[in-house]
């Protein structure tokens, strides 16, 4: 379940299935918050695409870098979760406590 927590929308499975395990719940929420953040970044990059030249440049860079960042986050999150640690992303992980 900890591994699923960092695989995009698959984090819904441990979040809904493991209500009694607070550690799994925390990792699932962390994965969901990061997934929502990445989707928002893709949306913003798509909206910026209407700006000629600069917007196109931002879209190209964002569409190349965001999937790489998502993959790195997933790998680090899975490794830390399986070792019994938490991946704390400074601003995003604050939303986990509110969620």
PDB file of N, CA and C in Angstrom:
ATOM      1  N   UNK A   1       0.810  -1.198   0.000  1.00  0.00           N
ATOM      2  CA  UNK A   1       0.000   0.000   0.000  1.00  0.00           C
ATOM      3  C   UNK A   1       0.859   1.271   0.000  1.00  0.00           C
ATOM      4  N   UNK A   2       2.009   1.201   0.665  1.00  0.00           N
ATOM      5  CA  UNK A   2       2.891   2.368   0.686  1.00  0.00           C
ATOM      6  C   UNK A   2       3.409   2.704  -0.707  1.00  0.00           C
ATOM      7  N   UNK A   3       3.667   1.692  -1.511  1.00  0.00           N
ATOM      8  CA  UNK A   3       4.159   1.920  -2.867  1.00  0.00           C
ATOM      9  C   UNK A   3       3.079   2.584  -3.716  1.00  0.00           C
ATOM     10  N   UNK A   4       1.850   2.128  -3.592  1.00  0.00           N
ATOM     11  CA  UNK A   4       0.749   2.722  -4.354  1.00  0.00           C
ATOM     12  C   UNK A   4       0.527   4.190  -3.998  1.00  0.00           C
ATOM     13  N   UNK A   5       0.922   4.571  -2.802  1.00  0.00           N
ATOM     14  CA  UNK A   5       0.702   5.944  -2.340  1.00  0.00           C
ATOM     15  C   UNK A   5       1.409   6.985  -3.196  1.00  0.00           C
ATOM     16  N   UNK A   6       2.441   6.591  -3.898  1.00  0.00           N
ATOM     17  CA  UNK A   6       3.209   7.560  -4.682  1.00  0.00           C
ATOM     18  C   UNK A   6       3.082   7.332  -6.181  1.00  0.00           C
ATOM     19  N   UNK A   7       2.038   6.612  -6.600  1.00  0.00           N
ATOM     20  CA  UNK A   7       1.845   6.338  -8.022  1.00  0.00           C
ATOM     21  C   UNK A   7       0.619   7.065  -8.573  1.00  0.00           C
ATOM     22  N   UNK A   8       0.619   8.377  -8.400  1.00  0.00           N
ATOM     23  CA  UNK A   8      -0.444   9.203  -8.965  1.00  0.00           C
ATOM     24  C   UNK A   8      -1.789   8.943  -8.316  1.00  0.00           C
ATOM     25  N   UNK A   9      -2.816   8.784  -9.143  1.00  0.00           N
ATOM     26  CA  UNK A   9      -4.162   8.588  -8.624  1.00  0.00           C
ATOM     27  C   UNK A   9      -4.366   7.218  -7.990  1.00  0.00           C
ATOM     28  N   UNK A  10      -3.406   6.316  -8.158  1.00  0.00           N
ATOM     29  CA  UNK A  10      -3.480   5.028  -7.467  1.00  0.00           C
ATOM     30  C   UNK A  10      -3.379   5.203  -5.951  1.00  0.00           C
ATOM     31  N   UNK A  11      -2.978   6.375  -5.498  1.00  0.00           N
ATOM     32  CA  UNK A  11      -2.915   6.658  -4.065  1.00  0.00           C
ATOM     33  C   UNK A  11      -4.302   6.645  -3.430  1.00  0.00           C
ATOM     34  N   UNK A  12      -5.336   6.723  -4.255  1.00  0.00           N
ATOM     35  CA  UNK A  12      -6.696   6.635  -3.720  1.00  0.00           C
ATOM     36  C   UNK A  12      -6.974   5.259  -3.110  1.00  0.00           C
ATOM     37  N   UNK A  13      -6.328   4.223  -3.642  1.00  0.00           N
ATOM     38  CA  UNK A  13      -6.559   2.861  -3.143  1.00  0.00           C
ATOM     39  C   UNK A  13      -6.140   2.727  -1.681  1.00  0.00           C
ATOM     40  N   UNK A  14      -4.880   3.046  -1.323  1.00  0.00           N
ATOM     41  CA  UNK A  14      -4.525   2.930   0.108  1.00  0.00           C
ATOM     42  C   UNK A  14      -5.264   3.944   0.981  1.00  0.00           C
ATOM     43  N   UNK A  15      -5.564   5.115   0.429  1.00  0.00           N
ATOM     44  CA  UNK A  15      -6.257   6.139   1.208  1.00  0.00           C
ATOM     45  C   UNK A  15      -7.658   5.671   1.604  1.00  0.00           C
ATOM     46  N   UNK A  16      -8.333   4.981   0.682  1.00  0.00           N
ATOM     47  CA  UNK A  16      -9.683   4.504   0.961  1.00  0.00           C
ATOM     48  C   UNK A  16      -9.706   3.143   1.666  1.00  0.00           C
ATOM     49  N   UNK A  17      -8.696   2.310   1.413  1.00  0.00           N
ATOM     50  CA  UNK A  17      -8.704   0.945   1.936  1.00  0.00           C
ATOM     51  C   UNK A  17      -8.109   0.820   3.341  1.00  0.00           C
ATOM     52  N   UNK A  18      -7.109   1.603   3.652  1.00  0.00           N
ATOM     53  CA  UNK A  18      -6.385   1.464   4.924  1.00  0.00           C
ATOM     54  C   UNK A  18      -6.717   2.611   5.882  1.00  0.00           C
ATOM     55  N   UNK A  19      -7.968   2.677   6.293  1.00  0.00           N
ATOM     56  CA  UNK A  19      -8.405   3.764   7.185  1.00  0.00           C
ATOM     57  C   UNK A  19      -7.790   3.671   8.581  1.00  0.00           C
ATOM     58  N   UNK A  20      -7.392   2.477   9.019  1.00  0.00           N
ATOM     59  CA  UNK A  20      -6.883   2.299  10.381  1.00  0.00           C
ATOM     60  C   UNK A  20      -5.377   2.487  10.511  1.00  0.00           C
ATOM     61  N   UNK A  21      -4.665   2.539   9.407  1.00  0.00           N
ATOM     62  CA  UNK A  21      -3.200   2.664   9.438  1.00  0.00           C
ATOM     63  C   UNK A  21      -2.819   4.119   9.164  1.00  0.00           C
ATOM     64  N   UNK A  22      -2.411   4.824  10.204  1.00  0.00           N
ATOM     65  CA  UNK A  22      -2.111   6.255  10.062  1.00  0.00           C
ATOM     66  C   UNK A  22      -0.909   6.515   9.167  1.00  0.00           C
ATOM     67  N   UNK A  23       0.056   5.606   9.152  1.00  0.00           N
ATOM     68  CA  UNK A  23       1.245   5.804   8.309  1.00  0.00           C
ATOM     69  C   UNK A  23       0.874   5.689   6.824  1.00  0.00           C
ATOM     70  N   UNK A  24       0.100   4.698   6.480  1.00  0.00           N
ATOM     71  CA  UNK A  24      -0.347   4.541   5.095  1.00  0.00           C
ATOM     72  C   UNK A  24      -1.220   5.734   4.701  1.00  0.00           C
ATOM     73  N   UNK A  25      -2.088   6.170   5.603  1.00  0.00           N
ATOM     74  CA  UNK A  25      -2.934   7.332   5.328  1.00  0.00           C
ATOM     75  C   UNK A  25      -2.089   8.571   5.041  1.00  0.00           C
ATOM     76  N   UNK A  26      -1.037   8.795   5.825  1.00  0.00           N
ATOM     77  CA  UNK A  26      -0.194   9.968   5.620  1.00  0.00           C
ATOM     78  C   UNK A  26       0.490   9.909   4.256  1.00  0.00           C
ATOM     79  N   UNK A  27       1.055   8.765   3.903  1.00  0.00           N
ATOM     80  CA  UNK A  27       1.743   8.642   2.623  1.00  0.00           C
ATOM     81  C   UNK A  27       0.759   8.762   1.457  1.00  0.00           C
ATOM     82  N   UNK A  28      -0.424   8.193   1.597  1.00  0.00           N
ATOM     83  CA  UNK A  28      -1.422   8.293   0.534  1.00  0.00           C
ATOM     84  C   UNK A  28      -1.845   9.752   0.329  1.00  0.00           C
ATOM     85  N   UNK A  29      -2.058  10.458   1.428  1.00  0.00           N
ATOM     86  CA  UNK A  29      -2.427  11.870   1.329  1.00  0.00           C
ATOM     87  C   UNK A  29      -1.294  12.687   0.725  1.00  0.00           C
ATOM     88  N   UNK A  30      -0.055  12.391   1.104  1.00  0.00           N
ATOM     89  CA  UNK A  30       1.099  13.095   0.555  1.00  0.00           C
ATOM     90  C   UNK A  30       1.178  12.864  -0.960  1.00  0.00           C
ATOM     91  N   UNK A  31       0.975  11.631  -1.385  1.00  0.00           N
ATOM     92  CA  UNK A  31       0.984  11.324  -2.811  1.00  0.00           C
ATOM     93  C   UNK A  31      -0.141  12.019  -3.559  1.00  0.00           C
ATOM     94  N   UNK A  32      -1.323  12.079  -2.953  1.00  0.00           N
ATOM     95  CA  UNK A  32      -2.457  12.747  -3.594  1.00  0.00           C
ATOM     96  C   UNK A  32      -2.258  14.252  -3.695  1.00  0.00           C
ATOM     97  N   UNK A  33      -1.702  14.851  -2.648  1.00  0.00           N
ATOM     98  CA  UNK A  33      -1.435  16.298  -2.685  1.00  0.00           C
ATOM     99  C   UNK A  33      -0.408  16.612  -3.764  1.00  0.00           C
ATOM    100  N   UNK A  34       0.633  15.800  -3.855  1.00  0.00           N
ATOM    101  CA  UNK A  34       1.641  16.046  -4.886  1.00  0.00           C
ATOM    102  C   UNK A  34       1.058  15.830  -6.281  1.00  0.00           C
ATOM    103  N   UNK A  35       0.203  14.830  -6.441  1.00  0.00           N
ATOM    104  CA  UNK A  35      -0.442  14.588  -7.730  1.00  0.00           C
ATOM    105  C   UNK A  35      -1.310  15.776  -8.121  1.00  0.00           C
ATOM    106  N   UNK A  36      -2.077  16.296  -7.176  1.00  0.00           N
ATOM    107  CA  UNK A  36      -2.911  17.472  -7.445  1.00  0.00           C
ATOM    108  C   UNK A  36      -2.047  18.676  -7.821  1.00  0.00           C
ATOM    109  N   UNK A  37      -0.916  18.838  -7.147  1.00  0.00           N
ATOM    110  CA  UNK A  37       0.006  19.933  -7.462  1.00  0.00           C
ATOM    111  C   UNK A  37       0.539  19.798  -8.883  1.00  0.00           C
ATOM    112  N   UNK A  38       0.922  18.601  -9.281  1.00  0.00           N
ATOM    113  CA  UNK A  38       1.460  18.399 -10.628  1.00  0.00           C
ATOM    114  C   UNK A  38       0.395  18.631 -11.693  1.00  0.00           C
ATOM    115  N   UNK A  39      -0.827  18.182 -11.434  1.00  0.00           N
ATOM    116  CA  UNK A  39      -1.911  18.422 -12.384  1.00  0.00           C
ATOM    117  C   UNK A  39      -2.167  19.920 -12.517  1.00  0.00           C
ATOM    118  N   UNK A  40      -2.118  20.645 -11.411  1.00  0.00           N
ATOM    119  CA  UNK A  40      -2.282  22.103 -11.448  1.00  0.00           C
ATOM    120  C   UNK A  40      -1.151  22.753 -12.246  1.00  0.00           C
ATOM    121  N   UNK A  41       0.070  22.253 -12.090  1.00  0.00           N
ATOM    122  CA  UNK A  41       1.198  22.795 -12.859  1.00  0.00           C
ATOM    123  C   UNK A  41       1.014  22.567 -14.355  1.00  0.00           C
ATOM    124  N   UNK A  42       0.549  21.375 -14.736  1.00  0.00           N
ATOM    125  CA  UNK A  42       0.274  21.100 -16.143  1.00  0.00           C
ATOM    126  C   UNK A  42      -0.824  22.027 -16.668  1.00  0.00           C
ATOM    127  N   UNK A  43      -1.856  22.260 -15.854  1.00  0.00           N
ATOM    128  CA  UNK A  43      -2.946  23.141 -16.256  1.00  0.00           C
ATOM    129  C   UNK A  43      -2.451  24.573 -16.461  1.00  0.00           C
ATOM    130  N   UNK A  44      -1.661  25.069 -15.524  1.00  0.00           N
ATOM    131  CA  UNK A  44      -1.115  26.429 -15.640  1.00  0.00           C
ATOM    132  C   UNK A  44      -0.225  26.546 -16.874  1.00  0.00           C
ATOM    133  N   UNK A  45       0.595  25.536 -17.116  1.00  0.00           N
ATOM    134  CA  UNK A  45       1.451  25.555 -18.302  1.00  0.00           C
ATOM    135  C   UNK A  45       0.623  25.562 -19.576  1.00  0.00           C
ATOM    136  N   UNK A  46      -0.481  24.867 -19.578  1.00  0.00           N
ATOM    137  CA  UNK A  46      -1.356  24.843 -20.751  1.00  0.00           C
ATOM    138  C   UNK A  46      -2.026  26.191 -20.977  1.00  0.00           C
ATOM    139  N   UNK A  47      -2.406  26.861 -19.897  1.00  0.00           N
ATOM    140  CA  UNK A  47      -3.031  28.175 -20.012  1.00  0.00           C
ATOM    141  C   UNK A  47      -2.020  29.202 -20.514  1.00  0.00           C
ATOM    142  N   UNK A  48      -0.785  29.095 -20.048  1.00  0.00           N
ATOM    143  CA  UNK A  48       0.269  30.033 -20.457  1.00  0.00           C
ATOM    144  C   UNK A  48       0.616  29.850 -21.939  1.00  0.00           C
ATOM    145  N   UNK A  49       0.235  28.731 -22.515  1.00  0.00           N
ATOM    146  CA  UNK A  49       0.575  28.432 -23.908  1.00  0.00           C
ATOM    147  C   UNK A  49      -0.006  29.441 -24.890  1.00  0.00           C
ATOM    148  N   UNK A  50      -1.017  30.197 -24.479  1.00  0.00           N
ATOM    149  CA  UNK A  50      -1.614  31.166 -25.398  1.00  0.00           C
ATOM    150  C   UNK A  50      -0.720  32.388 -25.609  1.00  0.00           C
ATOM    151  N   UNK A  51       0.279  32.576 -24.753  1.00  0.00           N
ATOM    152  CA  UNK A  51       1.210  33.695 -24.909  1.00  0.00           C
ATOM    153  C   UNK A  51       2.235  33.306 -25.983  1.00  0.00           C
ATOM    154  N   UNK A  52       2.349  34.105 -27.023  1.00  0.00           N
ATOM    155  CA  UNK A  52       3.298  33.754 -28.084  1.00  0.00           C
ATOM    156  C   UNK A  52       4.745  33.712 -27.575  1.00  0.00           C
ATOM    157  N   UNK A  53       5.518  32.853 -28.109  1.00  0.00           N
ATOM    158  CA  UNK A  53       6.939  32.608 -27.899  1.00  0.00           C
ATOM    159  C   UNK A  53       7.268  32.285 -26.446  1.00  0.00           C
ATOM    160  N   UNK A  54       7.126  33.227 -25.525  1.00  0.00           N
ATOM    161  CA  UNK A  54       7.469  32.973 -24.120  1.00  0.00           C
ATOM    162  C   UNK A  54       6.578  31.873 -23.542  1.00  0.00           C
ATOM    163  N   UNK A  55       5.309  31.921 -23.827  1.00  0.00           N
ATOM    164  CA  UNK A  55       4.391  30.896 -23.349  1.00  0.00           C
ATOM    165  C   UNK A  55       4.722  29.530 -23.926  1.00  0.00           C
ATOM    166  N   UNK A  56       5.066  29.499 -25.201  1.00  0.00           N
ATOM    167  CA  UNK A  56       5.417  28.233 -25.833  1.00  0.00           C
ATOM    168  C   UNK A  56       6.685  27.659 -25.214  1.00  0.00           C
ATOM    169  N   UNK A  57       7.641  28.525 -24.927  1.00  0.00           N
ATOM    170  CA  UNK A  57       8.888  28.094 -24.301  1.00  0.00           C
ATOM    171  C   UNK A  57       8.604  27.508 -22.903  1.00  0.00           C
ATOM    172  N   UNK A  58       7.753  28.182 -22.155  1.00  0.00           N
ATOM    173  CA  UNK A  58       7.393  27.700 -20.820  1.00  0.00           C
ATOM    174  C   UNK A  58       6.707  26.339 -20.907  1.00  0.00           C
ATOM    175  N   UNK A  59       5.814  26.184 -21.877  1.00  0.00           N
ATOM    176  CA  UNK A  59       5.105  24.914 -22.043  1.00  0.00           C
ATOM    177  C   UNK A  59       6.074  23.792 -22.382  1.00  0.00           C
ATOM    178  N   UNK A  60       6.988  24.039 -23.291  1.00  0.00           N
ATOM    179  CA  UNK A  60       7.947  23.010 -23.689  1.00  0.00           C
ATOM    180  C   UNK A  60       8.806  22.589 -22.499  1.00  0.00           C
ATOM    181  N   UNK A  61       9.319  23.555 -21.774  1.00  0.00           N
ATOM    182  CA  UNK A  61      10.155  23.250 -20.611  1.00  0.00           C
ATOM    183  C   UNK A  61       9.339  22.537 -19.531  1.00  0.00           C
ATOM    184  N   UNK A  62       8.134  23.018 -19.267  1.00  0.00           N
ATOM    185  CA  UNK A  62       7.294  22.415 -18.239  1.00  0.00           C
ATOM    186  C   UNK A  62       6.930  20.982 -18.599  1.00  0.00           C
ATOM    187  N   UNK A  63       6.578  20.746 -19.851  1.00  0.00           N
ATOM    188  CA  UNK A  63       6.183  19.393 -20.250  1.00  0.00           C
ATOM    189  C   UNK A  63       7.370  18.438 -20.294  1.00  0.00           C
ATOM    190  N   UNK A  64       8.572  18.964 -20.333  1.00  0.00           N
ATOM    191  CA  UNK A  64       9.758  18.102 -20.270  1.00  0.00           C
ATOM    192  C   UNK A  64      10.182  17.860 -18.825  1.00  0.00           C
ATOM    193  N   UNK A  65      10.102  18.862 -17.976  1.00  0.00           N
ATOM    194  CA  UNK A  65      10.623  18.763 -16.616  1.00  0.00           C
ATOM    195  C   UNK A  65       9.622  18.210 -15.599  1.00  0.00           C
ATOM    196  N   UNK A  66       8.343  18.516 -15.759  1.00  0.00           N
ATOM    197  CA  UNK A  66       7.359  18.061 -14.776  1.00  0.00           C
ATOM    198  C   UNK A  66       7.258  16.540 -14.676  1.00  0.00           C
ATOM    199  N   UNK A  67       7.235  15.794 -15.775  1.00  0.00           N
ATOM    200  CA  UNK A  67       7.208  14.328 -15.627  1.00  0.00           C
ATOM    201  C   UNK A  67       8.460  13.770 -14.958  1.00  0.00           C
ATOM    202  N   UNK A  68       9.595  14.387 -15.217  1.00  0.00           N
ATOM    203  CA  UNK A  68      10.840  13.952 -14.570  1.00  0.00           C
ATOM    204  C   UNK A  68      10.771  14.225 -13.070  1.00  0.00           C
ATOM    205  N   UNK A  69      10.273  15.393 -12.699  1.00  0.00           N
ATOM    206  CA  UNK A  69      10.124  15.731 -11.278  1.00  0.00           C
ATOM    207  C   UNK A  69       9.140  14.775 -10.600  1.00  0.00           C
ATOM    208  N   UNK A  70       8.061  14.442 -11.296  1.00  0.00           N
ATOM    209  CA  UNK A  70       7.066  13.521 -10.750  1.00  0.00           C
ATOM    210  C   UNK A  70       7.680  12.140 -10.515  1.00  0.00           C
ATOM    211  N   UNK A  71       8.478  11.668 -11.467  1.00  0.00           N
ATOM    212  CA  UNK A  71       9.131  10.367 -11.345  1.00  0.00           C
ATOM    213  C   UNK A  71      10.129  10.356 -10.184  1.00  0.00           C
ATOM    214  N   UNK A  72      10.924  11.409 -10.058  1.00  0.00           N
ATOM    215  CA  UNK A  72      11.898  11.499  -8.963  1.00  0.00           C
ATOM    216  C   UNK A  72      11.181  11.507  -7.618  1.00  0.00           C
ATOM    217  N   UNK A  73      10.098  12.290  -7.517  1.00  0.00           N
ATOM    218  CA  UNK A  73       9.324  12.332  -6.275  1.00  0.00           C
ATOM    219  C   UNK A  73       8.775  10.947  -5.937  1.00  0.00           C
ATOM    220  N   UNK A  74       8.249  10.257  -6.932  1.00  0.00           N
ATOM    221  CA  UNK A  74       7.676   8.922  -6.700  1.00  0.00           C
ATOM    222  C   UNK A  74       8.738   7.943  -6.211  1.00  0.00           C
ATOM    223  N   UNK A  75       9.893   7.945  -6.840  1.00  0.00           N
ATOM    224  CA  UNK A  75      10.958   7.019  -6.446  1.00  0.00           C
ATOM    225  C   UNK A  75      11.433   7.312  -5.027  1.00  0.00           C
ATOM    226  N   UNK A  76      11.696   8.571  -4.740  1.00  0.00           N
ATOM    227  CA  UNK A  76      12.165   8.941  -3.403  1.00  0.00           C
ATOM    228  C   UNK A  76      11.088   8.639  -2.360  1.00  0.00           C
ATOM    229  N   UNK A  77       9.838   8.944  -2.676  1.00  0.00           N
ATOM    230  CA  UNK A  77       8.746   8.669  -1.755  1.00  0.00           C
ATOM    231  C   UNK A  77       8.587   7.188  -1.463  1.00  0.00           C
ATOM    232  N   UNK A  78       8.679   6.358  -2.489  1.00  0.00           N
ATOM    233  CA  UNK A  78       8.553   4.909  -2.307  1.00  0.00           C
ATOM    234  C   UNK A  78       9.700   4.373  -1.462  1.00  0.00           C
ATOM    235  N   UNK A  79      10.916   4.821  -1.758  1.00  0.00           N
ATOM    236  CA  UNK A  79      12.082   4.355  -0.992  1.00  0.00           C
ATOM    237  C   UNK A  79      11.948   4.760   0.475  1.00  0.00           C
ATOM    238  N   UNK A  80      11.611   6.014   0.729  1.00  0.00           N
ATOM    239  CA  UNK A  80      11.472   6.473   2.114  1.00  0.00           C
ATOM    240  C   UNK A  80      10.330   5.751   2.831  1.00  0.00           C
ATOM    241  N   UNK A  81       9.225   5.546   2.139  1.00  0.00           N
ATOM    242  CA  UNK A  81       8.075   4.881   2.760  1.00  0.00           C
ATOM    243  C   UNK A  81       8.410   3.444   3.137  1.00  0.00           C
ATOM    244  N   UNK A  82       9.110   2.740   2.274  1.00  0.00           N
ATOM    245  CA  UNK A  82       9.448   1.347   2.582  1.00  0.00           C
ATOM    246  C   UNK A  82      10.513   1.251   3.673  1.00  0.00           C
ATOM    247  N   UNK A  83      11.244   2.333   3.919  1.00  0.00           N
ATOM    248  CA  UNK A  83      12.226   2.354   5.000  1.00  0.00           C
ATOM    249  C   UNK A  83      11.628   2.879   6.303  1.00  0.00           C
ATOM    250  N   UNK A  84      10.349   3.199   6.296  1.00  0.00           N
ATOM    251  CA  UNK A  84       9.690   3.685   7.511  1.00  0.00           C
ATOM    252  C   UNK A  84       9.856   5.168   7.747  1.00  0.00           C
ATOM    253  N   UNK A  85      10.259   5.907   6.732  1.00  0.00           N
ATOM    254  CA  UNK A  85      10.446   7.354   6.859  1.00  0.00           C
ATOM    255  C   UNK A  85       9.353   8.074   6.085  1.00  0.00           C
ATOM    256  N   UNK A  86       9.308   9.385   6.236  1.00  0.00           N
ATOM    257  CA  UNK A  86       8.343  10.212   5.505  1.00  0.00           C
ATOM    258  C   UNK A  86       9.077  11.189   4.598  1.00  0.00           C
ATOM    259  N   UNK A  87       8.536  11.367   3.404  1.00  0.00           N
ATOM    260  CA  UNK A  87       9.060  12.362   2.474  1.00  0.00           C
ATOM    261  C   UNK A  87       8.300  13.659   2.721  1.00  0.00           C
ATOM    262  N   UNK A  88       8.976  14.621   3.309  1.00  0.00           N
ATOM    263  CA  UNK A  88       8.338  15.890   3.631  1.00  0.00           C
ATOM    264  C   UNK A  88       8.785  16.928   2.618  1.00  0.00           C
ATOM    265  N   UNK A  89       7.828  17.385   1.809  1.00  0.00           N
ATOM    266  CA  UNK A  89       8.065  18.457   0.850  1.00  0.00           C
ATOM    267  C   UNK A  89       7.605  19.733   1.543  1.00  0.00           C
ATOM    268  N   UNK A  90       8.498  20.733   1.702  1.00  0.00           N
ATOM    269  CA  UNK A  90       8.228  21.875   2.571  1.00  0.00           C
ATOM    270  C   UNK A  90       6.828  22.482   2.509  1.00  0.00           C
ATOM    271  N   UNK A  91       6.323  22.873   1.392  1.00  0.00           N
ATOM    272  CA  UNK A  91       5.020  23.541   1.361  1.00  0.00           C
ATOM    273  C   UNK A  91       3.889  22.530   1.174  1.00  0.00           C
ATOM    274  N   UNK A  92       4.100  21.553   0.323  1.00  0.00           N
ATOM    275  CA  UNK A  92       3.041  20.598  -0.002  1.00  0.00           C
ATOM    276  C   UNK A  92       2.665  19.692   1.155  1.00  0.00           C
ATOM    277  N   UNK A  93       3.627  19.261   1.927  1.00  0.00           N
ATOM    278  CA  UNK A  93       3.333  18.334   3.032  1.00  0.00           C
ATOM    279  C   UNK A  93       2.542  19.008   4.143  1.00  0.00           C
ATOM    280  N   UNK A  94       2.521  20.335   4.188  1.00  0.00           N
ATOM    281  CA  UNK A  94       1.701  21.042   5.166  1.00  0.00           C
ATOM    282  C   UNK A  94       0.210  20.812   4.893  1.00  0.00           C
ATOM    283  N   UNK A  95      -0.146  20.615   3.620  1.00  0.00           N
ATOM    284  CA  UNK A  95      -1.534  20.361   3.265  1.00  0.00           C
ATOM    285  C   UNK A  95      -1.994  18.967   3.711  1.00  0.00           C
ATOM    286  N   UNK A  96      -1.047  18.035   3.893  1.00  0.00           N
ATOM    287  CA  UNK A  96      -1.394  16.684   4.304  1.00  0.00           C
ATOM    288  C   UNK A  96      -2.042  16.701   5.677  1.00  0.00           C
ATOM    289  N   UNK A  97      -1.537  17.533   6.561  1.00  0.00           N
ATOM    290  CA  UNK A  97      -2.097  17.623   7.910  1.00  0.00           C
ATOM    291  C   UNK A  97      -3.524  18.195   7.893  1.00  0.00           C
ATOM    292  N   UNK A  98      -3.832  19.058   6.914  1.00  0.00           N
ATOM    293  CA  UNK A  98      -5.150  19.666   6.814  1.00  0.00           C
ATOM    294  C   UNK A  98      -6.141  18.757   6.087  1.00  0.00           C
ATOM    295  N   UNK A  99      -5.637  17.822   5.314  1.00  0.00           N
ATOM    296  CA  UNK A  99      -6.433  16.986   4.419  1.00  0.00           C
ATOM    297  C   UNK A  99      -7.017  15.815   5.154  1.00  0.00           C
TER     298      UNK A  99
END
